[in-house]
Amino acid sequence: MIRLRGVSYAYPDTANYVLADLDLSVGQGEVVGVVGASGAGKTTLAKIIAGFIPSIEGGVLSGDIDVNGVAISSLTLSEAVAQVGLVIQNPFNQISGAKFTVLEEIAFGLENTGVPREEIAERVQAVAKQLRVDHLLDRSPYALSGGQMQLVAIASMVVMRTPVLVMDEPTSQLDPGGSRMVFDIISQLTDLGTTVLIFEHKIELLREHADRVAVLADGRITAEGAPRAILSDPRLEKWAIGTTRYTRAGLAARDTGLAPVTGELPVSMPDAVEFFGPSGKH
């Protein structure tokens, strides 16, 4: 569904490449999490897949970027956004500014693509209830809290039902309950065949919901694989990503001889129970 080969990119007026010879593939209905340090190029990669780079921001882009077998470079921006929904990190920047209510904001993309009015009403009500913002539909998008605004921004993309959804730090403004709700909705979307690429710092949620995790460092994908194996990799510290307290506890247990040097380290609480508990191996 998403295929990148040899992708390199430099912003305008700079010779420094943010991404360099990057390869990444995501299958249909798959949830792939991408982790990386601040400044690693996660937002840049998200915008490239969605077709916003270089069409809006310019710069030098090379390599192959295909979505559903079609080269993104061959599509107009309006065609690209029908294929890839992009949720950006700062919800304030995603709000259109053209609508007066949350209801109108969520419906904005559907109106622009000519969806019938009755269907728009049904889809907006359904996604607003799903994301628990139905009580905000008559409010101004700019009268919301940061977390509420983020949920509205996510709703405005989910309602479009694009085959691919790219999410750049979609839970940055949300509390633990809101974050878990968003990830639960991602699972529901993939059950319907939606492909999701999510850039996220909340490692424990990626451990639970991602099918695969990739590490973005030094301008390319430096590691990828099963979530527990990747998210407990000690090299995450070297890449300035960091590990969870459960992984650090597992490493400490190894260092003191309380756990063998082989086997997967814990990432989440359930992993730690398995790793350290009486029924576990250690």
C-alpha atoms as a PDB file:
ATOM      1  CA  MET A   1       0.000   0.000   0.000  1.00  0.00           C
ATOM      2  CA  ILE A   2       2.881   2.400   0.846  1.00  0.00           C
ATOM      3  CA  ARG A   3       6.245   1.854  -0.794  1.00  0.00           C
ATOM      4  CA  LEU A   4       9.256   4.158  -0.542  1.00  0.00           C
ATOM      5  CA  ARG A   5      12.537   3.344  -2.261  1.00  0.00           C
ATOM      6  CA  GLY A   6      15.691   5.456  -2.144  1.00  0.00           C
ATOM      7  CA  VAL A   7      13.874   8.540  -0.886  1.00  0.00           C
ATOM      8  CA  SER A   8      16.053  11.581  -0.181  1.00  0.00           C
ATOM      9  CA  TYR A   9      14.951  15.124   0.601  1.00  0.00           C
ATOM     10  CA  ALA A  10      16.499  18.521   1.295  1.00  0.00           C
ATOM     11  CA  TYR A  11      14.497  21.632   2.200  1.00  0.00           C
ATOM     12  CA  PRO A  12      14.843  24.749   0.011  1.00  0.00           C
ATOM     13  CA  ASP A  13      18.034  26.783   0.324  1.00  0.00           C
ATOM     14  CA  THR A  14      19.959  24.062   2.136  1.00  0.00           C
ATOM     15  CA  ALA A  15      22.399  21.390   1.023  1.00  0.00           C
ATOM     16  CA  ASN A  16      21.664  19.194   4.048  1.00  0.00           C
ATOM     17  CA  TYR A  17      19.429  16.201   3.367  1.00  0.00           C
ATOM     18  CA  VAL A  18      16.885  15.464   6.095  1.00  0.00           C
ATOM     19  CA  LEU A  19      16.252  12.037   4.582  1.00  0.00           C
ATOM     20  CA  ALA A  20      18.850  10.079   2.665  1.00  0.00           C
ATOM     21  CA  ASP A  21      18.180   6.923   0.637  1.00  0.00           C
ATOM     22  CA  LEU A  22      15.256   5.857   2.823  1.00  0.00           C
ATOM     23  CA  ASP A  23      13.313   2.634   2.176  1.00  0.00           C
ATOM     24  CA  LEU A  24       9.992   1.721   3.827  1.00  0.00           C
ATOM     25  CA  SER A  25       7.007  -0.462   2.959  1.00  0.00           C
ATOM     26  CA  VAL A  26       3.607  -0.728   4.657  1.00  0.00           C
ATOM     27  CA  GLY A  27       1.049  -3.354   3.656  1.00  0.00           C
ATOM     28  CA  GLN A  28      -2.689  -2.835   3.307  1.00  0.00           C
ATOM     29  CA  GLY A  29      -4.467  -2.813   6.661  1.00  0.00           C
ATOM     30  CA  GLU A  30      -1.166  -2.729   8.527  1.00  0.00           C
ATOM     31  CA  VAL A  31      -0.340  -0.391  11.418  1.00  0.00           C
ATOM     32  CA  VAL A  32       3.313   0.614  11.298  1.00  0.00           C
ATOM     33  CA  GLY A  33       4.740   2.840  13.992  1.00  0.00           C
ATOM     34  CA  VAL A  34       7.761   5.052  13.343  1.00  0.00           C
ATOM     35  CA  VAL A  35       9.899   6.295  16.212  1.00  0.00           C
ATOM     36  CA  GLY A  36      12.695   8.812  16.043  1.00  0.00           C
ATOM     37  CA  ALA A  37      14.352  11.604  17.973  1.00  0.00           C
ATOM     38  CA  SER A  38      13.190  15.205  17.633  1.00  0.00           C
ATOM     39  CA  GLY A  39      14.542  16.510  14.343  1.00  0.00           C
ATOM     40  CA  ALA A  40      14.988  13.040  12.860  1.00  0.00           C
ATOM     41  CA  GLY A  41      12.678  13.874   9.954  1.00  0.00           C
ATOM     42  CA  LYS A  42       9.414  12.238  11.034  1.00  0.00           C
ATOM     43  CA  THR A  43       7.202  15.192  10.060  1.00  0.00           C
ATOM     44  CA  THR A  44       9.087  15.556   6.785  1.00  0.00           C
ATOM     45  CA  LEU A  45       8.493  11.896   5.962  1.00  0.00           C
ATOM     46  CA  ALA A  46       4.792  12.190   6.834  1.00  0.00           C
ATOM     47  CA  LYS A  47       4.371  15.175   4.494  1.00  0.00           C
ATOM     48  CA  ILE A  48       6.220  13.401   1.674  1.00  0.00           C
ATOM     49  CA  ILE A  49       3.912  10.384   1.823  1.00  0.00           C
ATOM     50  CA  ALA A  50       0.855  12.665   1.906  1.00  0.00           C
ATOM     51  CA  GLY A  51       2.060  14.610  -1.157  1.00  0.00           C
ATOM     52  CA  PHE A  52       2.637  17.941   0.614  1.00  0.00           C
ATOM     53  CA  ILE A  53       6.365  17.795  -0.124  1.00  0.00           C
ATOM     54  CA  PRO A  54       7.602  19.110  -2.479  1.00  0.00           C
ATOM     55  CA  SER A  55       4.335  20.502  -3.953  1.00  0.00           C
ATOM     56  CA  ILE A  56       3.796  22.978  -1.088  1.00  0.00           C
ATOM     57  CA  GLU A  57       7.130  23.299   0.685  1.00  0.00           C
ATOM     58  CA  GLY A  58       9.458  22.927  -2.299  1.00  0.00           C
ATOM     59  CA  GLY A  59      12.937  21.511  -1.885  1.00  0.00           C
ATOM     60  CA  VAL A  60      14.685  18.635  -3.620  1.00  0.00           C
ATOM     61  CA  LEU A  61      12.985  15.236  -3.457  1.00  0.00           C
ATOM     62  CA  SER A  62      14.221  12.072  -5.150  1.00  0.00           C
ATOM     63  CA  GLY A  63      13.318   8.403  -5.017  1.00  0.00           C
ATOM     64  CA  ASP A  64      10.096   6.465  -5.531  1.00  0.00           C
ATOM     65  CA  ILE A  65       6.981   7.090  -3.384  1.00  0.00           C
ATOM     66  CA  ASP A  66       4.035   4.881  -4.309  1.00  0.00           C
ATOM     67  CA  VAL A  67       0.644   4.619  -2.599  1.00  0.00           C
ATOM     68  CA  ASN A  68      -1.672   1.832  -3.694  1.00  0.00           C
ATOM     69  CA  GLY A  69       0.527   1.246  -6.724  1.00  0.00           C
ATOM     70  CA  VAL A  70       0.404   4.874  -7.887  1.00  0.00           C
ATOM     71  CA  ALA A  71       3.337   7.295  -7.751  1.00  0.00           C
ATOM     72  CA  ILE A  72       2.449  10.222  -5.486  1.00  0.00           C
ATOM     73  CA  SER A  73       4.425  12.502  -7.820  1.00  0.00           C
ATOM     74  CA  SER A  74       1.938  11.744 -10.613  1.00  0.00           C
ATOM     75  CA  LEU A  75      -1.025  13.011  -8.572  1.00  0.00           C
ATOM     76  CA  THR A  76      -2.261  16.529  -8.011  1.00  0.00           C
ATOM     77  CA  LEU A  77      -2.496  17.568  -4.380  1.00  0.00           C
ATOM     78  CA  SER A  78      -6.298  17.165  -4.445  1.00  0.00           C
ATOM     79  CA  GLU A  79      -5.864  13.637  -5.819  1.00  0.00           C
ATOM     80  CA  ALA A  80      -3.219  12.830  -3.222  1.00  0.00           C
ATOM     81  CA  VAL A  81      -5.363  13.936  -0.269  1.00  0.00           C
ATOM     82  CA  ALA A  82      -8.108  11.597  -1.487  1.00  0.00           C
ATOM     83  CA  GLN A  83      -5.648   8.736  -1.075  1.00  0.00           C
ATOM     84  CA  VAL A  84      -3.758   9.778   2.069  1.00  0.00           C
ATOM     85  CA  GLY A  85      -5.202  11.512   5.110  1.00  0.00           C
ATOM     86  CA  LEU A  86      -2.617  13.439   7.131  1.00  0.00           C
ATOM     87  CA  VAL A  87      -3.014  14.268  10.818  1.00  0.00           C
ATOM     88  CA  ILE A  88      -0.313  16.754  11.777  1.00  0.00           C
ATOM     89  CA  GLN A  89       1.261  17.251  15.181  1.00  0.00           C
ATOM     90  CA  ASN A  90      -0.111  20.713  15.946  1.00  0.00           C
ATOM     91  CA  PRO A  91      -3.929  20.615  15.683  1.00  0.00           C
ATOM     92  CA  PHE A  92      -4.123  24.434  15.600  1.00  0.00           C
ATOM     93  CA  ASN A  93      -2.392  24.320  12.211  1.00  0.00           C
ATOM     94  CA  GLN A  94      -4.778  21.681  10.894  1.00  0.00           C
ATOM     95  CA  ILE A  95      -7.982  23.588  11.637  1.00  0.00           C
ATOM     96  CA  SER A  96      -9.081  25.184   8.359  1.00  0.00           C
ATOM     97  CA  GLY A  97     -10.078  28.593   9.755  1.00  0.00           C
ATOM     98  CA  ALA A  98     -12.896  28.632   7.194  1.00  0.00           C
ATOM     99  CA  LYS A  99     -15.656  27.234   9.399  1.00  0.00           C
ATOM    100  CA  PHE A 100     -17.440  28.536  12.481  1.00  0.00           C
ATOM    101  CA  THR A 101     -18.389  25.269  14.208  1.00  0.00           C
ATOM    102  CA  VAL A 102     -16.807  21.906  14.935  1.00  0.00           C
ATOM    103  CA  LEU A 103     -19.552  20.223  12.891  1.00  0.00           C
ATOM    104  CA  GLU A 104     -18.674  22.330   9.842  1.00  0.00           C
ATOM    105  CA  GLU A 105     -14.967  21.747  10.398  1.00  0.00           C
ATOM    106  CA  ILE A 106     -15.320  17.971  10.402  1.00  0.00           C
ATOM    107  CA  ALA A 107     -17.562  18.149   7.324  1.00  0.00           C
ATOM    108  CA  PHE A 108     -15.223  20.502   5.413  1.00  0.00           C
ATOM    109  CA  GLY A 109     -13.263  17.865   3.503  1.00  0.00           C
ATOM    110  CA  LEU A 110     -16.391  15.908   2.591  1.00  0.00           C
ATOM    111  CA  GLU A 111     -18.008  19.052   1.203  1.00  0.00           C
ATOM    112  CA  ASN A 112     -14.936  19.759  -0.929  1.00  0.00           C
ATOM    113  CA  THR A 113     -15.043  16.266  -2.430  1.00  0.00           C
ATOM    114  CA  GLY A 114     -18.727  16.432  -3.314  1.00  0.00           C
ATOM    115  CA  VAL A 115     -20.127  13.900  -0.861  1.00  0.00           C
ATOM    116  CA  PRO A 116     -23.962  14.118  -0.729  1.00  0.00           C
ATOM    117  CA  ARG A 117     -25.324  16.252   2.094  1.00  0.00           C
ATOM    118  CA  GLU A 118     -27.237  13.417   3.807  1.00  0.00           C
ATOM    119  CA  GLU A 119     -24.161  11.192   3.803  1.00  0.00           C
ATOM    120  CA  ILE A 120     -22.042  14.034   5.194  1.00  0.00           C
ATOM    121  CA  ALA A 121     -24.439  14.452   8.118  1.00  0.00           C
ATOM    122  CA  GLU A 122     -24.384  10.733   8.899  1.00  0.00           C
ATOM    123  CA  ARG A 123     -20.611  10.412   8.678  1.00  0.00           C
ATOM    124  CA  VAL A 124     -19.924  13.528  10.760  1.00  0.00           C
ATOM    125  CA  GLN A 125     -22.276  12.417  13.530  1.00  0.00           C
ATOM    126  CA  ALA A 126     -20.762   8.920  13.572  1.00  0.00           C
ATOM    127  CA  VAL A 127     -17.134  10.033  13.757  1.00  0.00           C
ATOM    128  CA  ALA A 128     -17.918  12.767  16.315  1.00  0.00           C
ATOM    129  CA  LYS A 129     -19.493  10.146  18.563  1.00  0.00           C
ATOM    130  CA  GLN A 130     -16.608   7.757  17.950  1.00  0.00           C
ATOM    131  CA  LEU A 131     -14.077  10.385  19.066  1.00  0.00           C
ATOM    132  CA  ARG A 132     -16.347  11.700  21.821  1.00  0.00           C
ATOM    133  CA  VAL A 133     -16.607  15.231  20.464  1.00  0.00           C
ATOM    134  CA  ASP A 134     -20.326  15.066  19.597  1.00  0.00           C
ATOM    135  CA  HIS A 135     -21.088  17.429  22.499  1.00  0.00           C
ATOM    136  CA  LEU A 136     -18.791  20.018  20.887  1.00  0.00           C
ATOM    137  CA  LEU A 137     -20.371  20.161  17.434  1.00  0.00           C
ATOM    138  CA  ASP A 138     -21.905  23.619  17.935  1.00  0.00           C
ATOM    139  CA  ARG A 139     -18.722  25.111  19.432  1.00  0.00           C
ATOM    140  CA  SER A 140     -16.117  27.132  17.574  1.00  0.00           C
ATOM    141  CA  PRO A 141     -13.005  25.061  16.797  1.00  0.00           C
ATOM    142  CA  TYR A 142     -10.949  27.867  18.340  1.00  0.00           C
ATOM    143  CA  ALA A 143     -12.887  27.760  21.618  1.00  0.00           C
ATOM    144  CA  LEU A 144     -11.623  24.256  22.389  1.00  0.00           C
ATOM    145  CA  SER A 145      -8.820  23.009  24.591  1.00  0.00           C
ATOM    146  CA  GLY A 146      -5.686  21.652  22.924  1.00  0.00           C
ATOM    147  CA  GLY A 147      -6.826  18.070  23.472  1.00  0.00           C
ATOM    148  CA  GLN A 148     -10.321  18.729  22.133  1.00  0.00           C
ATOM    149  CA  MET A 149      -8.881  20.484  19.093  1.00  0.00           C
ATOM    150  CA  GLN A 150      -6.624  17.505  18.438  1.00  0.00           C
ATOM    151  CA  LEU A 151      -9.586  15.131  18.527  1.00  0.00           C
ATOM    152  CA  VAL A 152     -11.464  17.362  16.069  1.00  0.00           C
ATOM    153  CA  ALA A 153      -8.432  17.404  13.746  1.00  0.00           C
ATOM    154  CA  ILE A 154      -8.296  13.604  13.872  1.00  0.00           C
ATOM    155  CA  ALA A 155     -12.055  13.395  13.253  1.00  0.00           C
ATOM    156  CA  SER A 156     -11.719  15.609  10.176  1.00  0.00           C
ATOM    157  CA  MET A 157      -9.331  13.055   8.666  1.00  0.00           C
ATOM    158  CA  VAL A 158     -11.023   9.856   9.853  1.00  0.00           C
ATOM    159  CA  VAL A 159     -14.333  11.020   8.373  1.00  0.00           C
ATOM    160  CA  MET A 160     -12.726  11.145   4.909  1.00  0.00           C
ATOM    161  CA  ARG A 161     -12.197   7.345   4.894  1.00  0.00           C
ATOM    162  CA  THR A 162      -8.993   7.560   2.891  1.00  0.00           C
ATOM    163  CA  PRO A 163      -7.310   4.198   2.213  1.00  0.00           C
ATOM    164  CA  VAL A 164      -4.159   5.455   3.949  1.00  0.00           C
ATOM    165  CA  LEU A 165      -3.927   7.488   7.152  1.00  0.00           C
ATOM    166  CA  VAL A 166      -0.623   9.085   8.175  1.00  0.00           C
ATOM    167  CA  MET A 167      -0.578  10.398  11.740  1.00  0.00           C
ATOM    168  CA  ASP A 168       2.216  12.628  13.046  1.00  0.00           C
ATOM    169  CA  GLU A 169       2.169  12.633  16.873  1.00  0.00           C
ATOM    170  CA  PRO A 170      -1.655  12.436  16.964  1.00  0.00           C
ATOM    171  CA  THR A 171      -1.813  12.121  20.758  1.00  0.00           C
ATOM    172  CA  SER A 172       0.629  14.885  21.693  1.00  0.00           C
ATOM    173  CA  GLN A 173      -2.134  16.999  23.309  1.00  0.00           C
ATOM    174  CA  LEU A 174      -4.103  14.102  24.819  1.00  0.00           C
ATOM    175  CA  ASP A 175      -4.192  12.579  28.298  1.00  0.00           C
ATOM    176  CA  PRO A 176      -3.682   8.799  28.699  1.00  0.00           C
ATOM    177  CA  GLY A 177      -7.397   8.078  28.292  1.00  0.00           C
ATOM    178  CA  GLY A 178      -7.660  10.125  25.111  1.00  0.00           C
ATOM    179  CA  SER A 179      -4.479   8.590  23.734  1.00  0.00           C
ATOM    180  CA  ARG A 180      -5.770   5.073  24.281  1.00  0.00           C
ATOM    181  CA  MET A 181      -9.079   5.976  22.648  1.00  0.00           C
ATOM    182  CA  VAL A 182      -7.286   7.186  19.516  1.00  0.00           C
ATOM    183  CA  PHE A 183      -5.272   3.981  19.304  1.00  0.00           C
ATOM    184  CA  ASP A 184      -8.424   1.911  19.783  1.00  0.00           C
ATOM    185  CA  ILE A 185      -9.992   3.788  16.850  1.00  0.00           C
ATOM    186  CA  ILE A 186      -6.875   3.082  14.766  1.00  0.00           C
ATOM    187  CA  SER A 187      -7.440  -0.628  15.429  1.00  0.00           C
ATOM    188  CA  GLN A 188     -11.052  -0.271  14.263  1.00  0.00           C
ATOM    189  CA  LEU A 189      -9.932   1.467  11.070  1.00  0.00           C
ATOM    190  CA  THR A 190      -7.445  -1.246  10.192  1.00  0.00           C
ATOM    191  CA  ASP A 191     -10.156  -3.859  10.691  1.00  0.00           C
ATOM    192  CA  LEU A 192     -11.887  -2.077   7.788  1.00  0.00           C
ATOM    193  CA  GLY A 193      -8.729  -2.212   5.649  1.00  0.00           C
ATOM    194  CA  THR A 194      -7.271   1.238   6.328  1.00  0.00           C
ATOM    195  CA  THR A 195      -3.488   1.387   6.274  1.00  0.00           C
ATOM    196  CA  VAL A 196      -2.006   3.458   9.108  1.00  0.00           C
ATOM    197  CA  LEU A 197       1.488   4.900   9.451  1.00  0.00           C
ATOM    198  CA  ILE A 198       1.853   6.545  12.850  1.00  0.00           C
ATOM    199  CA  PHE A 199       4.742   8.645  14.154  1.00  0.00           C
ATOM    200  CA  GLU A 200       4.522   8.498  17.927  1.00  0.00           C
ATOM    201  CA  HIS A 201       6.590   8.869  21.107  1.00  0.00           C
ATOM    202  CA  LYS A 202       4.230   6.839  23.320  1.00  0.00           C
ATOM    203  CA  ILE A 203       6.147   3.605  23.055  1.00  0.00           C
ATOM    204  CA  GLU A 204       3.854   1.481  25.220  1.00  0.00           C
ATOM    205  CA  LEU A 205       0.867   2.226  22.974  1.00  0.00           C
ATOM    206  CA  LEU A 206       2.888   1.346  19.882  1.00  0.00           C
ATOM    207  CA  ARG A 207       3.893  -1.898  21.590  1.00  0.00           C
ATOM    208  CA  GLU A 208       0.225  -2.761  22.023  1.00  0.00           C
ATOM    209  CA  HIS A 209      -1.260  -1.600  18.726  1.00  0.00           C
ATOM    210  CA  ALA A 210       1.392  -1.575  15.990  1.00  0.00           C
ATOM    211  CA  ASP A 211       1.960  -4.568  13.753  1.00  0.00           C
ATOM    212  CA  ARG A 212       5.504  -3.422  13.098  1.00  0.00           C
ATOM    213  CA  VAL A 213       7.791  -0.601  14.246  1.00  0.00           C
ATOM    214  CA  ALA A 214      10.522   1.209  12.311  1.00  0.00           C
ATOM    215  CA  VAL A 215      13.277   3.455  13.665  1.00  0.00           C
ATOM    216  CA  LEU A 216      14.083   6.681  11.798  1.00  0.00           C
ATOM    217  CA  ALA A 217      17.624   7.843  12.507  1.00  0.00           C
ATOM    218  CA  ASP A 218      20.430   9.354  10.447  1.00  0.00           C
ATOM    219  CA  GLY A 219      17.963  10.143   7.660  1.00  0.00           C
ATOM    220  CA  ARG A 220      16.896   6.560   6.989  1.00  0.00           C
ATOM    221  CA  ILE A 221      15.182   3.535   8.507  1.00  0.00           C
ATOM    222  CA  THR A 222      17.892   2.012  10.672  1.00  0.00           C
ATOM    223  CA  ALA A 223      15.871  -0.843  12.196  1.00  0.00           C
ATOM    224  CA  GLU A 224      12.424  -2.365  11.826  1.00  0.00           C
ATOM    225  CA  GLY A 225      10.588  -5.411  13.050  1.00  0.00           C
ATOM    226  CA  ALA A 226       8.201  -6.714  15.689  1.00  0.00           C
ATOM    227  CA  PRO A 227       7.176  -4.003  18.204  1.00  0.00           C
ATOM    228  CA  ARG A 228       8.569  -5.625  21.340  1.00  0.00           C
ATOM    229  CA  ALA A 229      11.918  -6.435  19.747  1.00  0.00           C
ATOM    230  CA  ILE A 230      12.404  -2.945  18.303  1.00  0.00           C
ATOM    231  CA  LEU A 231      11.015  -0.932  21.224  1.00  0.00           C
ATOM    232  CA  SER A 232      13.187  -2.728  23.770  1.00  0.00           C
ATOM    233  CA  ASP A 233      16.347  -2.408  21.674  1.00  0.00           C
ATOM    234  CA  PRO A 234      19.070  -0.734  23.806  1.00  0.00           C
ATOM    235  CA  ARG A 235      20.192   1.158  20.704  1.00  0.00           C
ATOM    236  CA  LEU A 236      17.134   3.406  21.113  1.00  0.00           C
ATOM    237  CA  GLU A 237      19.138   5.293  23.740  1.00  0.00           C
ATOM    238  CA  LYS A 238      21.939   5.892  21.238  1.00  0.00           C
ATOM    239  CA  TRP A 239      19.386   7.149  18.734  1.00  0.00           C
ATOM    240  CA  ALA A 240      18.054   9.630  21.375  1.00  0.00           C
ATOM    241  CA  ILE A 241      14.650   7.957  21.399  1.00  0.00           C
ATOM    242  CA  GLY A 242      14.795   6.299  24.794  1.00  0.00           C
ATOM    243  CA  THR A 243      13.233   3.174  26.230  1.00  0.00           C
ATOM    244  CA  THR A 244      10.488   2.591  28.785  1.00  0.00           C
ATOM    245  CA  ARG A 245      11.126   2.115  32.496  1.00  0.00           C
ATOM    246  CA  TYR A 246      10.259  -1.561  32.038  1.00  0.00           C
ATOM    247  CA  THR A 247      13.021  -2.018  29.476  1.00  0.00           C
ATOM    248  CA  ARG A 248      15.501  -0.204  31.705  1.00  0.00           C
ATOM    249  CA  ALA A 249      14.517  -2.439  34.623  1.00  0.00           C
ATOM    250  CA  GLY A 250      15.049  -5.505  32.454  1.00  0.00           C
ATOM    251  CA  LEU A 251      18.478  -4.253  31.403  1.00  0.00           C
ATOM    252  CA  ALA A 252      19.392  -3.609  35.034  1.00  0.00           C
ATOM    253  CA  ALA A 253      18.327  -7.150  35.895  1.00  0.00           C
ATOM    254  CA  ARG A 254      20.606  -8.462  33.186  1.00  0.00           C
ATOM    255  CA  ASP A 255      23.515  -6.334  34.351  1.00  0.00           C
ATOM    256  CA  THR A 256      23.200  -7.712  37.888  1.00  0.00           C
ATOM    257  CA  GLY A 257      22.844 -11.299  36.745  1.00  0.00           C
ATOM    258  CA  LEU A 258      19.177 -11.576  37.699  1.00  0.00           C
ATOM    259  CA  ALA A 259      18.127 -12.231  34.102  1.00  0.00           C
ATOM    260  CA  PRO A 260      19.810 -14.047  31.231  1.00  0.00           C
ATOM    261  CA  VAL A 261      21.463 -12.039  28.467  1.00  0.00           C
ATOM    262  CA  THR A 262      19.198 -13.540  25.809  1.00  0.00           C
ATOM    263  CA  GLY A 263      15.462 -13.179  25.251  1.00  0.00           C
ATOM    264  CA  GLU A 264      13.202 -10.167  24.719  1.00  0.00           C
ATOM    265  CA  LEU A 265      13.203  -7.361  27.238  1.00  0.00           C
ATOM    266  CA  PRO A 266       9.891  -5.918  28.506  1.00  0.00           C
ATOM    267  CA  VAL A 267       8.399  -2.768  26.979  1.00  0.00           C
ATOM    268  CA  SER A 268       5.057  -2.515  28.790  1.00  0.00           C
ATOM    269  CA  MET A 269       3.529  -3.528  32.106  1.00  0.00           C
ATOM    270  CA  PRO A 270       2.185  -6.851  30.739  1.00  0.00           C
ATOM    271  CA  ASP A 271       5.654  -7.591  29.357  1.00  0.00           C
ATOM    272  CA  ALA A 272       7.189  -6.815  32.756  1.00  0.00           C
ATOM    273  CA  VAL A 273       4.731  -9.116  34.527  1.00  0.00           C
ATOM    274  CA  GLU A 274       5.745 -11.879  32.152  1.00  0.00           C
ATOM    275  CA  PHE A 275       9.446 -11.058  32.469  1.00  0.00           C
ATOM    276  CA  PHE A 276       9.676 -10.666  36.245  1.00  0.00           C
ATOM    277  CA  GLY A 277       6.579 -12.499  37.538  1.00  0.00           C
ATOM    278  CA  PRO A 278       6.533 -15.924  39.197  1.00  0.00           C
ATOM    279  CA  SER A 279       5.193 -17.480  36.004  1.00  0.00           C
ATOM    280  CA  GLY A 280       7.825 -15.740  33.875  1.00  0.00           C
ATOM    281  CA  LYS A 281      11.207 -17.073  32.826  1.00  0.00           C
ATOM    282  CA  HIS A 282      13.207 -14.898  35.212  1.00  0.00           C
END
